[in-house]
């Protein structure tokens, strides 16, 4: 999987990730993941998608008002397609620093 590189799936407190059926499914397939009980609840500070990527998506998608949901969807799809991999790498590279800040704040908000 993933070009023969080892990956650990990051779980958060999303109900779908926290569900027993999801946890059991991952465990049964011996997929390496961080169980929901080991992850700080509501931790957008530790999710690269939340602290970096969504911000980029919002900036791009909300440049103009959208008259309907379809227009917004189209804009978000285009924004996702335009994400520069340098942005993704920067978000991932910042994760260890953010993790240390979270630990120093005993799991609390740090930004």
N, C-alpha and C. Protein backbone atom coordinates (compact mmCIF):
# COMPACT_ATOMS: atom_id res chain seq x y z
N UNK A 1 0.85 -1.18 0.00
CA UNK A 1 0.00 0.00 0.00
C UNK A 1 0.89 1.24 0.00
N UNK A 2 0.51 2.26 -0.72
CA UNK A 2 1.23 3.52 -0.76
C UNK A 2 2.71 3.34 -1.14
N UNK A 3 2.93 2.71 -2.28
CA UNK A 3 4.29 2.51 -2.80
C UNK A 3 5.20 1.78 -1.83
N UNK A 4 4.67 0.81 -1.14
CA UNK A 4 5.42 -0.03 -0.20
C UNK A 4 6.00 0.76 0.97
N UNK A 5 5.43 1.90 1.28
CA UNK A 5 5.86 2.68 2.44
C UNK A 5 4.90 2.43 3.59
N UNK A 6 5.41 2.50 4.80
CA UNK A 6 4.58 2.29 5.98
C UNK A 6 3.81 3.56 6.30
N UNK A 7 2.52 3.42 6.53
CA UNK A 7 1.66 4.54 6.87
C UNK A 7 0.86 4.19 8.11
N UNK A 8 0.57 5.20 8.92
CA UNK A 8 -0.32 5.06 10.06
C UNK A 8 -1.48 6.02 9.81
N UNK A 9 -2.69 5.49 9.81
CA UNK A 9 -3.86 6.33 9.60
C UNK A 9 -4.16 7.12 10.87
N UNK A 10 -4.36 8.40 10.70
CA UNK A 10 -4.66 9.29 11.82
C UNK A 10 -6.16 9.36 12.02
N UNK A 11 -6.62 8.91 13.16
CA UNK A 11 -8.03 9.00 13.50
C UNK A 11 -8.25 10.28 14.28
N UNK A 12 -9.44 10.78 14.23
CA UNK A 12 -9.81 11.91 15.07
C UNK A 12 -11.16 11.61 15.70
N UNK A 13 -11.82 12.62 16.18
CA UNK A 13 -13.08 12.38 16.89
C UNK A 13 -14.31 12.44 16.01
N UNK A 14 -14.12 12.39 14.71
CA UNK A 14 -15.28 12.35 13.82
C UNK A 14 -16.08 11.08 14.14
N UNK A 15 -17.40 11.19 14.21
CA UNK A 15 -18.21 10.02 14.56
C UNK A 15 -17.92 8.79 13.70
N UNK A 16 -17.68 8.98 12.41
CA UNK A 16 -17.40 7.84 11.54
C UNK A 16 -16.07 7.18 11.89
N UNK A 17 -15.10 7.94 12.35
CA UNK A 17 -13.80 7.38 12.73
C UNK A 17 -13.89 6.68 14.09
N UNK A 18 -14.72 7.22 14.94
CA UNK A 18 -14.84 6.75 16.31
C UNK A 18 -15.73 5.51 16.42
N UNK A 19 -16.52 5.26 15.41
CA UNK A 19 -17.48 4.15 15.46
C UNK A 19 -16.78 2.81 15.70
N UNK A 20 -17.39 2.00 16.53
CA UNK A 20 -16.83 0.68 16.83
C UNK A 20 -16.65 -0.13 15.54
N UNK A 21 -17.62 -0.03 14.64
CA UNK A 21 -17.52 -0.79 13.39
C UNK A 21 -16.29 -0.37 12.57
N UNK A 22 -15.98 0.93 12.56
CA UNK A 22 -14.80 1.42 11.84
C UNK A 22 -13.53 0.91 12.51
N UNK A 23 -13.47 1.05 13.84
CA UNK A 23 -12.30 0.60 14.58
C UNK A 23 -12.09 -0.91 14.39
N UNK A 24 -13.16 -1.67 14.47
CA UNK A 24 -13.08 -3.13 14.28
C UNK A 24 -12.65 -3.48 12.87
N UNK A 25 -13.17 -2.76 11.87
CA UNK A 25 -12.83 -3.02 10.47
C UNK A 25 -11.34 -2.81 10.24
N UNK A 26 -10.80 -1.70 10.75
CA UNK A 26 -9.37 -1.43 10.59
C UNK A 26 -8.52 -2.48 11.30
N UNK A 27 -8.90 -2.80 12.53
CA UNK A 27 -8.15 -3.78 13.31
C UNK A 27 -8.18 -5.16 12.65
N UNK A 28 -9.33 -5.57 12.13
CA UNK A 28 -9.46 -6.89 11.49
C UNK A 28 -8.57 -7.00 10.26
N UNK A 29 -8.31 -5.90 9.61
CA UNK A 29 -7.48 -5.91 8.41
C UNK A 29 -6.02 -5.57 8.71
N UNK A 30 -5.71 -5.50 10.01
CA UNK A 30 -4.36 -5.20 10.48
C UNK A 30 -3.81 -3.92 9.87
N UNK A 31 -4.68 -2.92 9.75
CA UNK A 31 -4.29 -1.60 9.26
C UNK A 31 -3.81 -0.80 10.46
N UNK A 32 -2.63 -0.23 10.34
CA UNK A 32 -2.04 0.54 11.44
C UNK A 32 -2.75 1.90 11.53
N UNK A 33 -3.32 2.19 12.67
CA UNK A 33 -4.04 3.46 12.86
C UNK A 33 -3.99 3.85 14.33
N UNK A 34 -4.21 5.13 14.57
CA UNK A 34 -4.27 5.64 15.93
C UNK A 34 -5.72 5.53 16.38
N UNK A 35 -5.96 4.75 17.40
CA UNK A 35 -7.32 4.54 17.90
C UNK A 35 -7.88 5.84 18.48
N UNK A 36 -9.19 5.98 18.39
CA UNK A 36 -9.81 7.23 18.81
C UNK A 36 -9.55 7.56 20.28
N UNK A 37 -9.43 6.55 21.13
CA UNK A 37 -9.19 6.84 22.54
C UNK A 37 -7.78 7.36 22.81
N UNK A 38 -6.88 7.21 21.83
CA UNK A 38 -5.52 7.71 21.97
C UNK A 38 -5.31 9.07 21.30
N UNK A 39 -6.37 9.62 20.76
CA UNK A 39 -6.27 10.88 20.03
C UNK A 39 -7.04 11.96 20.78
N UNK A 40 -6.48 13.16 20.91
CA UNK A 40 -7.22 14.21 21.61
C UNK A 40 -8.52 14.52 20.88
N UNK A 41 -9.60 14.63 21.62
CA UNK A 41 -10.88 14.94 20.98
C UNK A 41 -10.85 16.36 20.43
N UNK A 42 -11.60 16.55 19.35
CA UNK A 42 -11.72 17.87 18.73
C UNK A 42 -10.35 18.53 18.57
N UNK A 43 -9.50 17.91 17.80
CA UNK A 43 -8.12 18.39 17.68
C UNK A 43 -7.80 18.93 16.29
N UNK A 44 -8.46 20.00 15.85
CA UNK A 44 -8.11 20.55 14.54
C UNK A 44 -6.69 21.08 14.49
N UNK A 45 -6.11 21.39 15.67
CA UNK A 45 -4.74 21.86 15.71
C UNK A 45 -3.75 20.79 15.27
N UNK A 46 -4.18 19.53 15.27
CA UNK A 46 -3.28 18.44 14.93
C UNK A 46 -3.62 17.78 13.60
N UNK A 47 -4.58 18.28 12.92
CA UNK A 47 -4.97 17.70 11.64
C UNK A 47 -4.50 18.61 10.50
N UNK A 48 -3.52 18.15 9.69
CA UNK A 48 -3.05 18.99 8.58
C UNK A 48 -4.19 19.46 7.68
N UNK A 49 -5.19 18.63 7.52
CA UNK A 49 -6.33 19.03 6.70
C UNK A 49 -7.01 20.25 7.32
N UNK A 50 -7.18 20.22 8.64
CA UNK A 50 -7.88 21.31 9.32
C UNK A 50 -7.04 22.57 9.43
N UNK A 51 -5.76 22.46 9.80
CA UNK A 51 -4.99 23.67 10.06
C UNK A 51 -4.31 24.26 8.84
N UNK A 52 -4.34 23.59 7.72
CA UNK A 52 -3.65 24.13 6.55
C UNK A 52 -4.45 23.99 5.26
N UNK A 53 -4.88 22.81 4.95
CA UNK A 53 -5.48 22.54 3.65
C UNK A 53 -6.86 23.18 3.51
N UNK A 54 -7.72 23.06 4.53
CA UNK A 54 -9.06 23.66 4.43
C UNK A 54 -8.97 25.17 4.29
N UNK A 55 -8.00 25.77 4.97
CA UNK A 55 -7.81 27.22 4.85
C UNK A 55 -7.55 27.60 3.39
N UNK A 56 -6.68 26.85 2.75
CA UNK A 56 -6.37 27.08 1.33
C UNK A 56 -7.63 26.90 0.48
N UNK A 57 -8.36 25.84 0.75
CA UNK A 57 -9.57 25.55 -0.02
C UNK A 57 -10.59 26.68 0.14
N UNK A 58 -10.77 27.13 1.36
CA UNK A 58 -11.72 28.22 1.61
C UNK A 58 -11.31 29.50 0.89
N UNK A 59 -10.03 29.82 0.96
CA UNK A 59 -9.55 31.04 0.30
C UNK A 59 -9.83 30.99 -1.20
N UNK A 60 -9.59 29.86 -1.80
CA UNK A 60 -9.80 29.71 -3.24
C UNK A 60 -11.29 29.63 -3.60
N UNK A 61 -12.03 28.86 -2.85
CA UNK A 61 -13.43 28.60 -3.20
C UNK A 61 -14.34 29.79 -2.90
N UNK A 62 -13.96 30.61 -1.95
CA UNK A 62 -14.84 31.71 -1.55
C UNK A 62 -14.41 33.05 -2.15
N UNK A 63 -13.65 33.02 -3.24
CA UNK A 63 -13.26 34.27 -3.89
C UNK A 63 -14.47 35.03 -4.42
N UNK A 64 -15.51 34.30 -4.71
CA UNK A 64 -16.75 34.93 -5.20
C UNK A 64 -17.93 34.26 -4.53
N UNK A 65 -19.04 34.97 -4.40
CA UNK A 65 -20.23 34.34 -3.81
C UNK A 65 -20.78 33.26 -4.75
N UNK A 66 -21.40 32.26 -4.17
CA UNK A 66 -21.96 31.16 -4.94
C UNK A 66 -23.47 31.21 -4.89
N UNK A 67 -24.11 31.21 -6.05
CA UNK A 67 -25.57 31.31 -6.08
C UNK A 67 -26.28 30.02 -5.65
N UNK A 68 -25.52 28.90 -5.66
CA UNK A 68 -26.15 27.63 -5.30
C UNK A 68 -25.09 26.62 -4.86
N UNK A 69 -25.53 25.51 -4.36
CA UNK A 69 -24.63 24.48 -3.86
C UNK A 69 -23.75 23.91 -4.96
N UNK A 70 -24.30 23.74 -6.13
CA UNK A 70 -23.52 23.18 -7.25
C UNK A 70 -22.33 24.07 -7.59
N UNK A 71 -22.53 25.36 -7.57
CA UNK A 71 -21.45 26.31 -7.83
C UNK A 71 -20.34 26.19 -6.78
N UNK A 72 -20.74 26.06 -5.51
CA UNK A 72 -19.77 25.89 -4.43
C UNK A 72 -19.00 24.59 -4.60
N UNK A 73 -19.70 23.50 -4.90
CA UNK A 73 -19.04 22.21 -5.11
C UNK A 73 -18.00 22.30 -6.23
N UNK A 74 -18.39 22.91 -7.33
CA UNK A 74 -17.47 23.06 -8.47
C UNK A 74 -16.24 23.85 -8.06
N UNK A 75 -16.44 24.91 -7.31
CA UNK A 75 -15.33 25.73 -6.86
C UNK A 75 -14.40 24.96 -5.92
N UNK A 76 -14.98 24.16 -5.01
CA UNK A 76 -14.16 23.37 -4.09
C UNK A 76 -13.37 22.29 -4.82
N UNK A 77 -13.98 21.66 -5.81
CA UNK A 77 -13.28 20.64 -6.59
C UNK A 77 -12.10 21.26 -7.33
N UNK A 78 -12.30 22.43 -7.91
CA UNK A 78 -11.21 23.12 -8.60
C UNK A 78 -10.12 23.51 -7.61
N UNK A 79 -10.50 24.02 -6.44
CA UNK A 79 -9.52 24.40 -5.42
C UNK A 79 -8.70 23.19 -4.98
N UNK A 80 -9.35 22.04 -4.82
CA UNK A 80 -8.64 20.82 -4.42
C UNK A 80 -7.66 20.37 -5.50
N UNK A 81 -8.08 20.48 -6.76
CA UNK A 81 -7.22 20.08 -7.87
C UNK A 81 -5.99 20.99 -7.98
N UNK A 82 -6.12 22.22 -7.49
CA UNK A 82 -5.04 23.19 -7.60
C UNK A 82 -4.09 23.21 -6.40
N UNK A 83 -4.30 22.33 -5.45
CA UNK A 83 -3.44 22.32 -4.26
C UNK A 83 -2.01 21.96 -4.68
N UNK A 84 -1.10 22.81 -4.29
CA UNK A 84 0.32 22.58 -4.58
C UNK A 84 0.87 21.59 -3.54
N UNK A 85 1.62 20.62 -3.99
CA UNK A 85 2.17 19.61 -3.08
C UNK A 85 3.13 20.23 -2.07
N UNK A 86 3.69 21.40 -2.36
CA UNK A 86 4.53 22.09 -1.38
C UNK A 86 3.70 22.49 -0.16
N UNK A 87 2.45 22.87 -0.38
CA UNK A 87 1.55 23.22 0.70
C UNK A 87 1.27 21.98 1.56
N UNK A 88 1.03 20.86 0.92
CA UNK A 88 0.78 19.61 1.64
C UNK A 88 2.01 19.22 2.45
N UNK A 89 3.17 19.28 1.83
CA UNK A 89 4.42 18.92 2.52
C UNK A 89 4.67 19.85 3.70
N UNK A 90 4.43 21.15 3.53
CA UNK A 90 4.63 22.12 4.62
C UNK A 90 3.69 21.80 5.79
N UNK A 91 2.45 21.44 5.48
CA UNK A 91 1.49 21.09 6.53
C UNK A 91 1.96 19.86 7.30
N UNK A 92 2.43 18.86 6.58
CA UNK A 92 2.90 17.63 7.22
C UNK A 92 4.18 17.88 8.02
N UNK A 93 5.09 18.67 7.45
CA UNK A 93 6.34 18.97 8.14
C UNK A 93 6.13 19.76 9.42
N UNK A 94 5.03 20.52 9.50
CA UNK A 94 4.73 21.32 10.69
C UNK A 94 4.10 20.48 11.79
N UNK A 95 3.68 19.27 11.47
CA UNK A 95 2.96 18.44 12.43
C UNK A 95 3.75 18.15 13.70
N UNK A 96 5.03 17.77 13.64
CA UNK A 96 5.76 17.49 14.89
C UNK A 96 5.80 18.69 15.83
N UNK A 97 5.98 19.89 15.29
CA UNK A 97 6.00 21.09 16.13
C UNK A 97 4.64 21.28 16.80
N UNK A 98 3.58 21.06 16.04
CA UNK A 98 2.24 21.22 16.58
C UNK A 98 1.95 20.17 17.65
N UNK A 99 2.42 18.96 17.43
CA UNK A 99 2.24 17.89 18.41
C UNK A 99 2.94 18.26 19.72
N UNK A 100 4.15 18.77 19.64
CA UNK A 100 4.88 19.19 20.85
C UNK A 100 4.12 20.30 21.57
N UNK A 101 3.58 21.26 20.82
CA UNK A 101 2.82 22.35 21.43
C UNK A 101 1.58 21.81 22.13
N UNK A 102 0.93 20.82 21.52
CA UNK A 102 -0.25 20.20 22.13
C UNK A 102 0.13 19.51 23.44
N UNK A 103 1.23 18.80 23.44
CA UNK A 103 1.70 18.11 24.65
C UNK A 103 2.02 19.13 25.74
N UNK A 104 2.70 20.22 25.37
CA UNK A 104 3.04 21.25 26.35
C UNK A 104 1.79 21.90 26.95
N UNK A 105 0.71 21.94 26.18
CA UNK A 105 -0.54 22.52 26.67
C UNK A 105 -1.51 21.45 27.19
N UNK A 106 -0.97 20.28 27.48
CA UNK A 106 -1.73 19.18 28.06
C UNK A 106 -2.99 18.85 27.26
N UNK A 107 -2.84 18.86 25.93
CA UNK A 107 -3.95 18.52 25.04
C UNK A 107 -4.89 19.65 24.74
N UNK A 108 -4.62 20.81 25.32
CA UNK A 108 -5.50 21.96 25.09
C UNK A 108 -5.17 22.71 23.81
N UNK A 109 -6.01 23.65 23.50
CA UNK A 109 -5.83 24.49 22.31
C UNK A 109 -4.55 25.30 22.46
N UNK A 110 -3.79 25.45 21.38
CA UNK A 110 -2.52 26.17 21.49
C UNK A 110 -2.33 27.24 20.44
N UNK A 111 -3.36 27.59 19.70
CA UNK A 111 -3.20 28.67 18.74
C UNK A 111 -4.24 29.73 18.97
